[in-house]
Amino acid sequence: MPFGKFERFTAGFCMAIPFFLLTANETAGKTVPMFIVSVIITILPLAIPLLVQFTKNPKNYGMVIMTAGGILLFGLYKLFIDLFQVEDMGSISAYVLMDNSHVFGMLLAIAAMLFIVNGAVYWNKKEFAEGEWRSLLNVGLGIFLLLVVIFRCDKTPTIHLVVAGIFFLLCAWGTIRRPAKKEKRGQQRFFDFAPVTVMTIGMIGHFGHSSLDFWPFNLFNLFGAESIALWITGLDFILVSLKKEIDPLPVLRSLTRARIDPRDGKKDERQVSASKEPG
């Protein structure tokens, strides 16, 4: 399904934003290998359907992707920090102050447009499962991410904090809102809520650093918490895209809309009876 690939590209780009920002703020000697790693993160989700085929139980692909994706992204983040010896600027929003500030605006604007296009497709494709609320969520992600760019943290800090907070709340809500089958509900809820909880702890630790300077609130800074929010959003997009290709529900809905019986390809009885009416 072409749209599934577009969703996974959106996911890869979203997850790579922290790495692109780290790259843009470094000296020329480090940027080439750092840029290559960032590009790999962007395109890697396109190959995930091939990796899913190696799981013993295809129904466990969600658990595999959340676990492997989280470990891989965290490992690459540590690679950037330790191997390339780079330091982040404390938060994603702070990169508007770097010399290459246009890169900050470009990355977030592209991601916002990708979110909005995803929302528009969900709006037009009513046969997609979760289409009714996914369209609003994705458009909301895009709009509030654009507002993060428009209302800079150094010019309008209060408005910036509000729109950024809403964006990250939408990131968390999209992850925990994703429906689960009854037999997998407990397992999926754990893998959905765990990264959201870690993200929340990091953000609380940042804003309450004066009184919460202890474990686990001092594990990472706001940049780390915001990166986790983008990563869980990207992983959510990947899981939703795979569901379209593995779960037959969207196909059955589209067949129903076309009034075709999926079992034998015959027209729906209502259509047959209507065709027999005179005039």
Protein backbone atom coordinates (compact mmCIF):
# COMPACT_ATOMS: atom_id res chain seq x y z
CA MET A 1 0.00 0.00 0.00
CA PRO A 2 1.66 3.28 -1.11
CA PHE A 3 0.13 5.28 1.73
CA GLY A 4 1.62 2.84 4.24
CA LYS A 5 5.06 3.64 2.82
CA PHE A 6 4.34 7.36 3.08
CA GLU A 7 3.36 6.91 6.74
CA ARG A 8 6.61 5.07 7.42
CA PHE A 9 8.62 7.79 5.67
CA THR A 10 6.84 10.36 7.87
CA ALA A 11 7.77 8.23 10.87
CA GLY A 12 11.42 8.01 9.86
CA PHE A 13 11.71 11.75 9.24
CA CYS A 14 10.02 12.54 12.55
CA MET A 15 12.34 10.23 14.49
CA ALA A 16 15.42 11.61 12.73
CA ILE A 17 14.74 15.28 13.62
CA PRO A 18 16.83 15.23 16.86
CA PHE A 19 19.74 13.67 14.97
CA PHE A 20 19.55 16.19 12.12
CA LEU A 21 19.55 19.03 14.66
CA LEU A 22 22.59 17.62 16.45
CA THR A 23 24.30 17.35 13.06
CA ALA A 24 23.43 20.90 11.99
CA ASN A 25 25.04 22.38 15.09
CA GLU A 26 28.41 20.62 14.72
CA THR A 27 31.64 21.39 12.93
CA ALA A 28 32.27 20.28 9.36
CA GLY A 29 34.57 17.41 10.35
CA LYS A 30 31.79 15.48 12.07
CA THR A 31 28.80 16.36 9.97
CA VAL A 32 29.20 13.83 7.14
CA PRO A 33 29.01 10.61 9.24
CA MET A 34 26.37 12.18 11.48
CA PHE A 35 24.29 13.18 8.45
CA ILE A 36 24.57 9.65 7.01
CA VAL A 37 23.27 8.13 10.25
CA SER A 38 20.38 10.62 10.27
CA VAL A 39 19.43 9.70 6.69
CA ILE A 40 19.55 5.99 7.55
CA ILE A 41 17.12 6.61 10.42
CA THR A 42 14.80 8.39 7.98
CA ILE A 43 14.65 5.58 5.43
CA LEU A 44 14.98 2.57 7.77
CA PRO A 45 11.21 2.36 8.54
CA LEU A 46 10.58 1.64 4.85
CA ALA A 47 12.29 -1.74 5.34
CA ILE A 48 10.34 -2.71 8.46
CA PRO A 49 7.74 -4.88 6.63
CA LEU A 50 10.63 -7.13 5.59
CA LEU A 51 11.89 -7.36 9.17
CA VAL A 52 8.41 -8.21 10.47
CA GLN A 53 8.38 -11.35 8.33
CA PHE A 54 11.10 -12.82 10.56
CA THR A 55 8.94 -12.69 13.71
CA LYS A 56 7.70 -16.11 14.78
CA ASN A 57 4.22 -14.77 15.47
CA PRO A 58 3.16 -11.93 13.12
CA LYS A 59 0.70 -10.72 15.74
CA ASN A 60 3.66 -9.74 17.95
CA TYR A 61 5.08 -7.26 15.46
CA GLY A 62 3.95 -4.33 17.63
CA MET A 63 5.95 -5.54 20.61
CA VAL A 64 8.98 -6.28 18.43
CA ILE A 65 8.93 -2.86 16.74
CA MET A 66 8.43 -0.90 19.97
CA THR A 67 11.23 -2.81 21.74
CA ALA A 68 13.73 -2.96 18.88
CA GLY A 69 12.94 0.60 17.78
CA GLY A 70 13.38 2.02 21.25
CA ILE A 71 16.70 0.22 21.79
CA LEU A 72 17.99 1.21 18.34
CA LEU A 73 17.07 4.88 18.69
CA PHE A 74 18.52 5.13 22.18
CA GLY A 75 21.67 3.36 21.01
CA LEU A 76 22.08 5.75 18.08
CA TYR A 77 21.51 8.70 20.43
CA LYS A 78 24.30 7.41 22.70
CA LEU A 79 26.45 6.94 19.59
CA PHE A 80 26.01 10.59 18.70
CA ILE A 81 26.75 11.78 22.24
CA ASP A 82 29.71 9.50 23.01
CA LEU A 83 31.35 8.61 19.69
CA PHE A 84 30.92 11.98 17.98
CA GLN A 85 31.31 13.81 21.31
CA VAL A 86 28.45 16.23 20.75
CA GLU A 87 26.24 18.02 23.23
CA ASP A 88 22.65 19.05 22.67
CA MET A 89 21.41 22.57 23.37
CA GLY A 90 19.07 21.53 26.18
CA SER A 91 15.88 21.38 24.14
CA ILE A 92 14.78 21.07 20.52
CA SER A 93 13.34 24.59 20.59
CA ALA A 94 16.73 26.03 21.55
CA TYR A 95 18.11 25.11 18.12
CA VAL A 96 16.36 28.17 16.72
CA LEU A 97 19.30 30.05 18.27
CA MET A 98 22.07 28.12 16.48
CA ASP A 99 24.00 29.55 13.54
CA ASN A 100 22.14 27.31 11.09
CA SER A 101 18.75 28.24 12.52
CA HIS A 102 17.14 27.87 9.09
CA VAL A 103 17.69 24.10 9.43
CA PHE A 104 15.54 24.12 12.57
CA GLY A 105 12.67 25.85 10.74
CA MET A 106 13.03 23.66 7.67
CA LEU A 107 13.00 20.35 9.57
CA LEU A 108 9.99 21.18 11.70
CA ALA A 109 8.08 22.71 8.76
CA ILE A 110 8.65 19.60 6.62
CA ALA A 111 7.50 17.35 9.48
CA ALA A 112 4.41 19.54 9.97
CA MET A 113 3.50 19.25 6.29
CA LEU A 114 3.94 15.47 6.40
CA PHE A 115 1.62 15.28 9.42
CA ILE A 116 -1.03 17.42 7.70
CA VAL A 117 -0.89 15.37 4.48
CA ASN A 118 -1.33 12.19 6.54
CA GLY A 119 -4.37 13.75 8.18
CA ALA A 120 -5.84 14.75 4.82
CA VAL A 121 -5.47 11.20 3.50
CA TYR A 122 -7.21 9.78 6.57
CA TRP A 123 -10.00 12.32 6.08
CA ASN A 124 -10.57 11.17 2.48
CA LYS A 125 -10.09 7.44 3.14
CA LYS A 126 -12.98 6.67 5.46
CA GLU A 127 -12.42 2.93 5.08
CA PHE A 128 -9.23 3.20 7.13
CA ALA A 129 -9.63 1.92 10.66
CA GLU A 130 -9.32 4.80 13.18
CA GLY A 131 -9.74 7.23 10.29
CA GLU A 132 -12.17 9.55 12.01
CA TRP A 133 -9.88 10.55 14.89
CA ARG A 134 -6.54 9.92 13.19
CA SER A 135 -7.23 12.63 10.65
CA LEU A 136 -7.83 15.19 13.39
CA LEU A 137 -4.80 14.01 15.37
CA ASN A 138 -2.40 14.22 12.43
CA VAL A 139 -3.65 17.63 11.30
CA GLY A 140 -3.38 18.81 14.92
CA LEU A 141 0.20 17.57 15.12
CA GLY A 142 1.07 19.46 11.95
CA ILE A 143 -0.62 22.72 12.96
CA PHE A 144 0.88 22.86 16.44
CA LEU A 145 4.32 21.95 15.13
CA LEU A 146 4.09 24.87 12.72
CA LEU A 147 3.09 27.10 15.63
CA VAL A 148 6.21 25.92 17.48
CA VAL A 149 8.25 27.31 14.59
CA ILE A 150 6.25 30.54 14.31
CA PHE A 151 6.27 31.38 18.03
CA ARG A 152 9.95 31.15 18.90
CA CYS A 153 11.06 30.26 22.39
CA ASP A 154 13.20 33.41 22.65
CA LYS A 155 10.58 35.86 21.30
CA THR A 156 7.27 34.59 22.67
CA PRO A 157 8.22 32.06 25.36
CA THR A 158 4.76 31.71 26.94
CA ILE A 159 2.91 31.02 23.68
CA HIS A 160 5.74 28.77 22.53
CA LEU A 161 5.53 26.73 25.74
CA VAL A 162 1.75 26.32 25.35
CA VAL A 163 1.78 25.19 21.70
CA ALA A 164 4.80 22.93 22.27
CA GLY A 165 3.09 21.38 25.29
CA ILE A 166 -0.06 20.68 23.24
CA PHE A 167 2.04 19.13 20.47
CA PHE A 168 3.75 16.73 22.85
CA LEU A 169 0.44 15.88 24.52
CA LEU A 170 -0.90 14.94 21.09
CA CYS A 171 2.18 12.77 20.54
CA ALA A 172 1.45 10.89 23.76
CA TRP A 173 -2.30 10.69 23.13
CA GLY A 174 -1.83 9.21 19.66
CA THR A 175 0.29 6.43 21.13
CA ILE A 176 -1.92 5.43 24.06
CA ARG A 177 -5.14 5.93 22.07
CA ARG A 178 -4.24 3.28 19.49
CA PRO A 179 -6.78 0.43 19.93
CA ALA A 180 -5.72 -3.09 20.83
CA LYS A 181 -7.34 -6.47 20.51
CA LYS A 182 -8.67 -7.87 23.75
CA GLU A 183 -6.14 -10.70 24.01
CA LYS A 184 -3.22 -8.28 23.41
CA ARG A 185 -4.54 -5.28 25.34
CA GLY A 186 -2.42 -5.67 28.46
CA GLN A 187 0.78 -6.31 26.54
CA GLN A 188 0.21 -3.42 24.13
CA ARG A 189 -0.73 -1.01 26.90
CA PHE A 190 2.59 -1.69 28.62
CA PHE A 191 4.63 -1.01 25.48
CA ASP A 192 2.58 2.12 24.76
CA PHE A 193 2.52 3.62 28.23
CA ALA A 194 6.16 2.84 29.14
CA PRO A 195 7.81 5.32 26.70
CA VAL A 196 5.09 7.91 27.36
CA THR A 197 5.82 7.59 31.08
CA VAL A 198 9.57 8.01 30.50
CA MET A 199 8.89 11.11 28.36
CA THR A 200 6.64 12.57 31.06
CA ILE A 201 9.22 11.94 33.79
CA GLY A 202 11.86 13.73 31.75
CA MET A 203 9.66 16.77 31.16
CA ILE A 204 8.58 16.97 34.79
CA GLY A 205 12.21 16.69 35.84
CA HIS A 206 13.15 19.58 33.54
CA PHE A 207 10.48 22.00 34.74
CA GLY A 208 10.90 20.99 38.38
CA HIS A 209 14.68 20.62 38.32
CA SER A 210 15.19 22.79 41.38
CA SER A 211 13.24 20.40 43.62
CA LEU A 212 13.40 17.17 41.60
CA ASP A 213 17.14 16.74 41.13
CA PHE A 214 17.12 13.01 41.81
CA TRP A 215 16.48 9.72 40.01
CA PRO A 216 14.54 9.20 37.78
CA PHE A 217 13.80 12.87 37.09
CA ASN A 218 17.43 13.72 36.41
CA LEU A 219 18.06 10.92 33.91
CA PHE A 220 17.98 13.23 30.88
CA ASN A 221 17.19 16.80 29.93
CA LEU A 222 14.30 18.31 27.98
CA PHE A 223 15.97 17.53 24.65
CA GLY A 224 15.93 13.85 25.57
CA ALA A 225 12.28 13.95 26.63
CA GLU A 226 11.26 15.76 23.44
CA SER A 227 13.25 13.28 21.36
CA ILE A 228 11.38 10.40 23.01
CA ALA A 229 8.09 12.12 22.13
CA LEU A 230 9.10 12.26 18.46
CA TRP A 231 10.32 8.67 18.55
CA ILE A 232 7.10 7.26 20.02
CA THR A 233 5.10 9.23 17.45
CA GLY A 234 7.22 7.76 14.68
CA LEU A 235 6.84 4.23 16.06
CA ASP A 236 3.09 4.80 16.34
CA PHE A 237 2.95 5.79 12.66
CA ILE A 238 4.87 2.64 11.74
CA LEU A 239 2.51 0.36 13.68
CA VAL A 240 -0.56 2.02 12.20
CA SER A 241 0.84 1.67 8.67
CA LEU A 242 1.57 -2.03 9.19
CA LYS A 243 -1.91 -2.60 10.57
CA LYS A 244 -3.37 -1.54 7.25
CA GLU A 245 -1.29 -4.18 5.48
CA ILE A 246 -1.76 -6.98 8.01
CA ASP A 247 -5.24 -6.32 9.41
CA PRO A 248 -7.95 -7.08 6.78
CA LEU A 249 -10.49 -4.71 8.35
CA PRO A 250 -9.82 -1.77 6.00
CA VAL A 251 -10.15 -4.05 2.97
CA LEU A 252 -13.46 -5.44 4.21
CA ARG A 253 -14.77 -1.94 4.78
CA SER A 254 -13.77 -0.83 1.31
CA LEU A 255 -15.47 -3.87 -0.18
CA THR A 256 -18.62 -3.09 1.76
CA ARG A 257 -18.59 0.46 0.45
CA ALA A 258 -18.34 -0.92 -3.08
CA ARG A 259 -21.21 -3.29 -2.26
CA ILE A 260 -19.15 -6.33 -3.16
CA ASP A 261 -19.33 -9.57 -1.23
CA PRO A 262 -15.68 -10.37 -0.29
CA ARG A 263 -16.40 -14.09 -0.18
CA ASP A 264 -17.40 -14.60 -3.78
CA GLY A 265 -17.10 -11.21 -5.46
CA LYS A 266 -20.85 -11.00 -6.17
CA LYS A 267 -22.79 -7.81 -5.90
CA ASP A 268 -24.62 -7.03 -2.68
CA GLU A 269 -28.23 -8.24 -2.67
CA ARG A 270 -29.44 -4.66 -2.13
CA GLN A 271 -27.70 -3.61 -5.33
CA VAL A 272 -29.11 -6.58 -7.25
CA SER A 273 -32.66 -5.89 -6.10
CA ALA A 274 -32.29 -2.22 -6.94
CA SER A 275 -31.13 -3.05 -10.43
CA LYS A 276 -34.27 -5.12 -11.01
CA GLU A 277 -36.63 -2.28 -10.20
CA PRO A 278 -38.31 -0.81 -13.32
CA GLY A 279 -37.47 2.65 -14.60
